Amino acid sequence: MLDWLIVVTWRPALVVLPGTEDMSDYRDLGFHLRGFAKGIVICSVGAGIAAGACSLLTALI
């Protein structure tokens, strides 16, 4: 969600590529929402796998 605030709202010169200052894609909230949703799913799956591995290793010790 920080990318919405930084890239879409503030849009500092550091994150804007030279020559693309006027592109409407910087204001595409759907792109950032889809990326956020993908990240949540991937991190949740990774956390579940890590928790399962830790539980399995703890049970074996």
C-alpha atoms as a PDB file:
ATOM      1  CA  MET A   1       0.000   0.000   0.000  1.00  0.00           C
ATOM      2  CA  LEU A   2       2.983   2.276   0.387  1.00  0.00           C
ATOM      3  CA  ASP A   3       3.477   2.308  -3.375  1.00  0.00           C
ATOM      4  CA  TRP A   4       0.048   3.936  -3.756  1.00  0.00           C
ATOM      5  CA  LEU A   5       1.094   6.732  -1.476  1.00  0.00           C
ATOM      6  CA  ILE A   6       4.606   7.194  -2.858  1.00  0.00           C
ATOM      7  CA  VAL A   7       4.298   6.423  -6.584  1.00  0.00           C
ATOM      8  CA  VAL A   8       0.699   7.417  -7.309  1.00  0.00           C
ATOM      9  CA  THR A   9       0.075  10.311  -4.936  1.00  0.00           C
ATOM     10  CA  TRP A  10       3.441  11.954  -4.313  1.00  0.00           C
ATOM     11  CA  ARG A  11       5.225  10.742  -7.474  1.00  0.00           C
ATOM     12  CA  PRO A  12       8.738  11.988  -6.598  1.00  0.00           C
ATOM     13  CA  ALA A  13      11.285  12.471  -9.375  1.00  0.00           C
ATOM     14  CA  LEU A  14      13.282   9.530  -8.002  1.00  0.00           C
ATOM     15  CA  VAL A  15      10.627   6.981  -9.085  1.00  0.00           C
ATOM     16  CA  VAL A  16       9.698   8.563 -12.440  1.00  0.00           C
ATOM     17  CA  LEU A  17      11.734   7.530 -15.464  1.00  0.00           C
ATOM     18  CA  PRO A  18      13.025  10.451 -17.563  1.00  0.00           C
ATOM     19  CA  GLY A  19      10.705  11.173 -20.496  1.00  0.00           C
ATOM     20  CA  THR A  20       7.693   9.430 -18.922  1.00  0.00           C
ATOM     21  CA  GLU A  21       6.555  12.192 -16.590  1.00  0.00           C
ATOM     22  CA  ASP A  22       3.159  12.658 -18.279  1.00  0.00           C
ATOM     23  CA  MET A  23       2.201   8.992 -18.696  1.00  0.00           C
ATOM     24  CA  SER A  24      -1.178   8.060 -17.238  1.00  0.00           C
ATOM     25  CA  ASP A  25       0.139   4.644 -16.194  1.00  0.00           C
ATOM     26  CA  TYR A  26       1.635   6.178 -13.071  1.00  0.00           C
ATOM     27  CA  ARG A  27      -1.914   6.820 -11.864  1.00  0.00           C
ATOM     28  CA  ASP A  28      -3.151   3.270 -12.647  1.00  0.00           C
ATOM     29  CA  LEU A  29      -4.424   2.176  -9.235  1.00  0.00           C
ATOM     30  CA  GLY A  30      -5.553  -1.218 -10.574  1.00  0.00           C
ATOM     31  CA  PHE A  31      -1.967  -2.193 -11.384  1.00  0.00           C
ATOM     32  CA  HIS A  32      -0.876  -1.488  -7.836  1.00  0.00           C
ATOM     33  CA  LEU A  33      -3.908  -3.270  -6.372  1.00  0.00           C
ATOM     34  CA  ARG A  34      -3.226  -6.408  -8.447  1.00  0.00           C
ATOM     35  CA  GLY A  35       0.436  -6.373  -7.403  1.00  0.00           C
ATOM     36  CA  PHE A  36      -0.572  -5.990  -3.758  1.00  0.00           C
ATOM     37  CA  ALA A  37      -3.008  -8.919  -4.020  1.00  0.00           C
ATOM     38  CA  LYS A  38      -0.395 -11.140  -5.686  1.00  0.00           C
ATOM     39  CA  GLY A  39       2.129 -10.267  -2.989  1.00  0.00           C
ATOM     40  CA  ILE A  40      -0.308 -11.090  -0.194  1.00  0.00           C
ATOM     41  CA  VAL A  41      -1.071 -14.499  -1.719  1.00  0.00           C
ATOM     42  CA  ILE A  42       2.578 -15.368  -2.403  1.00  0.00           C
ATOM     43  CA  CYS A  43       3.700 -14.297   1.085  1.00  0.00           C
ATOM     44  CA  SER A  44       0.834 -16.186   2.737  1.00  0.00           C
ATOM     45  CA  VAL A  45       1.709 -19.386   0.894  1.00  0.00           C
ATOM     46  CA  GLY A  46       5.393 -18.957   1.738  1.00  0.00           C
ATOM     47  CA  ALA A  47       4.603 -18.318   5.399  1.00  0.00           C
ATOM     48  CA  GLY A  48       2.384 -21.414   5.498  1.00  0.00           C
ATOM     49  CA  ILE A  49       5.135 -23.566   4.002  1.00  0.00           C
ATOM     50  CA  ALA A  50       7.713 -22.174   6.438  1.00  0.00           C
ATOM     51  CA  ALA A  51       5.388 -22.711   9.413  1.00  0.00           C
ATOM     52  CA  GLY A  52       4.677 -26.262   8.306  1.00  0.00           C
ATOM     53  CA  ALA A  53       8.386 -27.021   7.910  1.00  0.00           C
ATOM     54  CA  CYS A  54       9.146 -25.582  11.363  1.00  0.00           C
ATOM     55  CA  SER A  55       6.322 -27.582  12.920  1.00  0.00           C
ATOM     56  CA  LEU A  56       7.514 -30.750  11.233  1.00  0.00           C
ATOM     57  CA  LEU A  57      11.111 -30.199  12.307  1.00  0.00           C
ATOM     58  CA  THR A  58      10.024 -29.436  15.889  1.00  0.00           C
ATOM     59  CA  ALA A  59       7.952 -32.610  16.038  1.00  0.00           C
ATOM     60  CA  LEU A  60      10.904 -34.694  14.838  1.00  0.00           C
ATOM     61  CA  ILE A  61      13.293 -33.360  17.478  1.00  0.00           C
END
